[in-house]
């Protein structure tokens, strides 16, 4: 997998996490712990994308 393909895969995962966060937040009783974990994963992916984009 090329670096560009890897970045695209990470962007897809990032987008999927956005959807999961939105779904959880729209529930009548959202699970704050799950939301925080999803956001943490999303941030980690964003950092990796930025790292790959600058190298």
C-alpha atoms as a PDB file:
ATOM      1  CA  UNK A   1       0.000   0.000   0.000  1.00  0.00           C
ATOM      2  CA  UNK A   2       1.384   3.361  -0.991  1.00  0.00           C
ATOM      3  CA  UNK A   3       1.493   6.279   1.415  1.00  0.00           C
ATOM      4  CA  UNK A   4      -1.321   7.981  -0.509  1.00  0.00           C
ATOM      5  CA  UNK A   5      -3.515   4.872  -0.263  1.00  0.00           C
ATOM      6  CA  UNK A   6      -2.779   4.677   3.455  1.00  0.00           C
ATOM      7  CA  UNK A   7      -3.818   8.327   3.926  1.00  0.00           C
ATOM      8  CA  UNK A   8      -7.053   7.691   2.003  1.00  0.00           C
ATOM      9  CA  UNK A   9      -7.803   4.645   4.168  1.00  0.00           C
ATOM     10  CA  UNK A  10      -7.201   6.725   7.296  1.00  0.00           C
ATOM     11  CA  UNK A  11      -9.505   9.460   5.985  1.00  0.00           C
ATOM     12  CA  UNK A  12     -12.214   6.847   5.464  1.00  0.00           C
ATOM     13  CA  UNK A  13     -11.774   5.579   9.035  1.00  0.00           C
ATOM     14  CA  UNK A  14     -11.877   9.187  10.274  1.00  0.00           C
ATOM     15  CA  UNK A  15     -15.161   9.750   8.435  1.00  0.00           C
ATOM     16  CA  UNK A  16     -16.605   6.489   9.770  1.00  0.00           C
ATOM     17  CA  UNK A  17     -15.754   7.581  13.314  1.00  0.00           C
ATOM     18  CA  UNK A  18     -17.559  10.890  12.678  1.00  0.00           C
ATOM     19  CA  UNK A  19     -20.680   8.926  11.767  1.00  0.00           C
ATOM     20  CA  UNK A  20     -20.408   6.700  14.843  1.00  0.00           C
ATOM     21  CA  UNK A  21     -19.997   9.739  17.101  1.00  0.00           C
ATOM     22  CA  UNK A  22     -23.039  11.427  15.531  1.00  0.00           C
ATOM     23  CA  UNK A  23     -25.102   8.257  15.950  1.00  0.00           C
ATOM     24  CA  UNK A  24     -24.122   7.907  19.598  1.00  0.00           C
ATOM     25  CA  UNK A  25     -24.795  11.600  20.324  1.00  0.00           C
ATOM     26  CA  UNK A  26     -28.263  11.365  18.776  1.00  0.00           C
ATOM     27  CA  UNK A  27     -29.346   8.516  21.064  1.00  0.00           C
ATOM     28  CA  UNK A  28     -31.713   9.374  23.933  1.00  0.00           C
ATOM     29  CA  UNK A  29     -29.038   8.459  26.505  1.00  0.00           C
ATOM     30  CA  UNK A  30     -25.634   8.713  24.791  1.00  0.00           C
ATOM     31  CA  UNK A  31     -22.704   6.838  26.274  1.00  0.00           C
ATOM     32  CA  UNK A  32     -20.186   9.568  27.105  1.00  0.00           C
ATOM     33  CA  UNK A  33     -17.377   7.072  27.638  1.00  0.00           C
ATOM     34  CA  UNK A  34     -17.925   5.591  24.157  1.00  0.00           C
ATOM     35  CA  UNK A  35     -18.088   9.075  22.619  1.00  0.00           C
ATOM     36  CA  UNK A  36     -14.807  10.051  24.295  1.00  0.00           C
ATOM     37  CA  UNK A  37     -13.125   6.849  23.101  1.00  0.00           C
ATOM     38  CA  UNK A  38     -14.345   7.406  19.524  1.00  0.00           C
ATOM     39  CA  UNK A  39     -13.107  10.999  19.633  1.00  0.00           C
ATOM     40  CA  UNK A  40      -9.739   9.818  20.952  1.00  0.00           C
ATOM     41  CA  UNK A  41      -9.468   7.344  18.054  1.00  0.00           C
ATOM     42  CA  UNK A  42     -10.467  10.061  15.604  1.00  0.00           C
ATOM     43  CA  UNK A  43      -7.779  12.413  16.940  1.00  0.00           C
ATOM     44  CA  UNK A  44      -5.146   9.676  16.734  1.00  0.00           C
ATOM     45  CA  UNK A  45      -6.050   9.075  13.083  1.00  0.00           C
ATOM     46  CA  UNK A  46      -5.981  12.798  12.340  1.00  0.00           C
ATOM     47  CA  UNK A  47      -2.511  13.071  13.870  1.00  0.00           C
ATOM     48  CA  UNK A  48      -1.317  10.130  11.769  1.00  0.00           C
ATOM     49  CA  UNK A  49      -2.765  11.694   8.596  1.00  0.00           C
ATOM     50  CA  UNK A  50      -1.000  14.985   9.376  1.00  0.00           C
ATOM     51  CA  UNK A  51       2.249  13.176  10.090  1.00  0.00           C
ATOM     52  CA  UNK A  52       2.115  11.273   6.799  1.00  0.00           C
ATOM     53  CA  UNK A  53       1.128  14.381   4.849  1.00  0.00           C
ATOM     54  CA  UNK A  54       4.140  16.324   6.113  1.00  0.00           C
ATOM     55  CA  UNK A  55       6.706  13.581   5.431  1.00  0.00           C
END
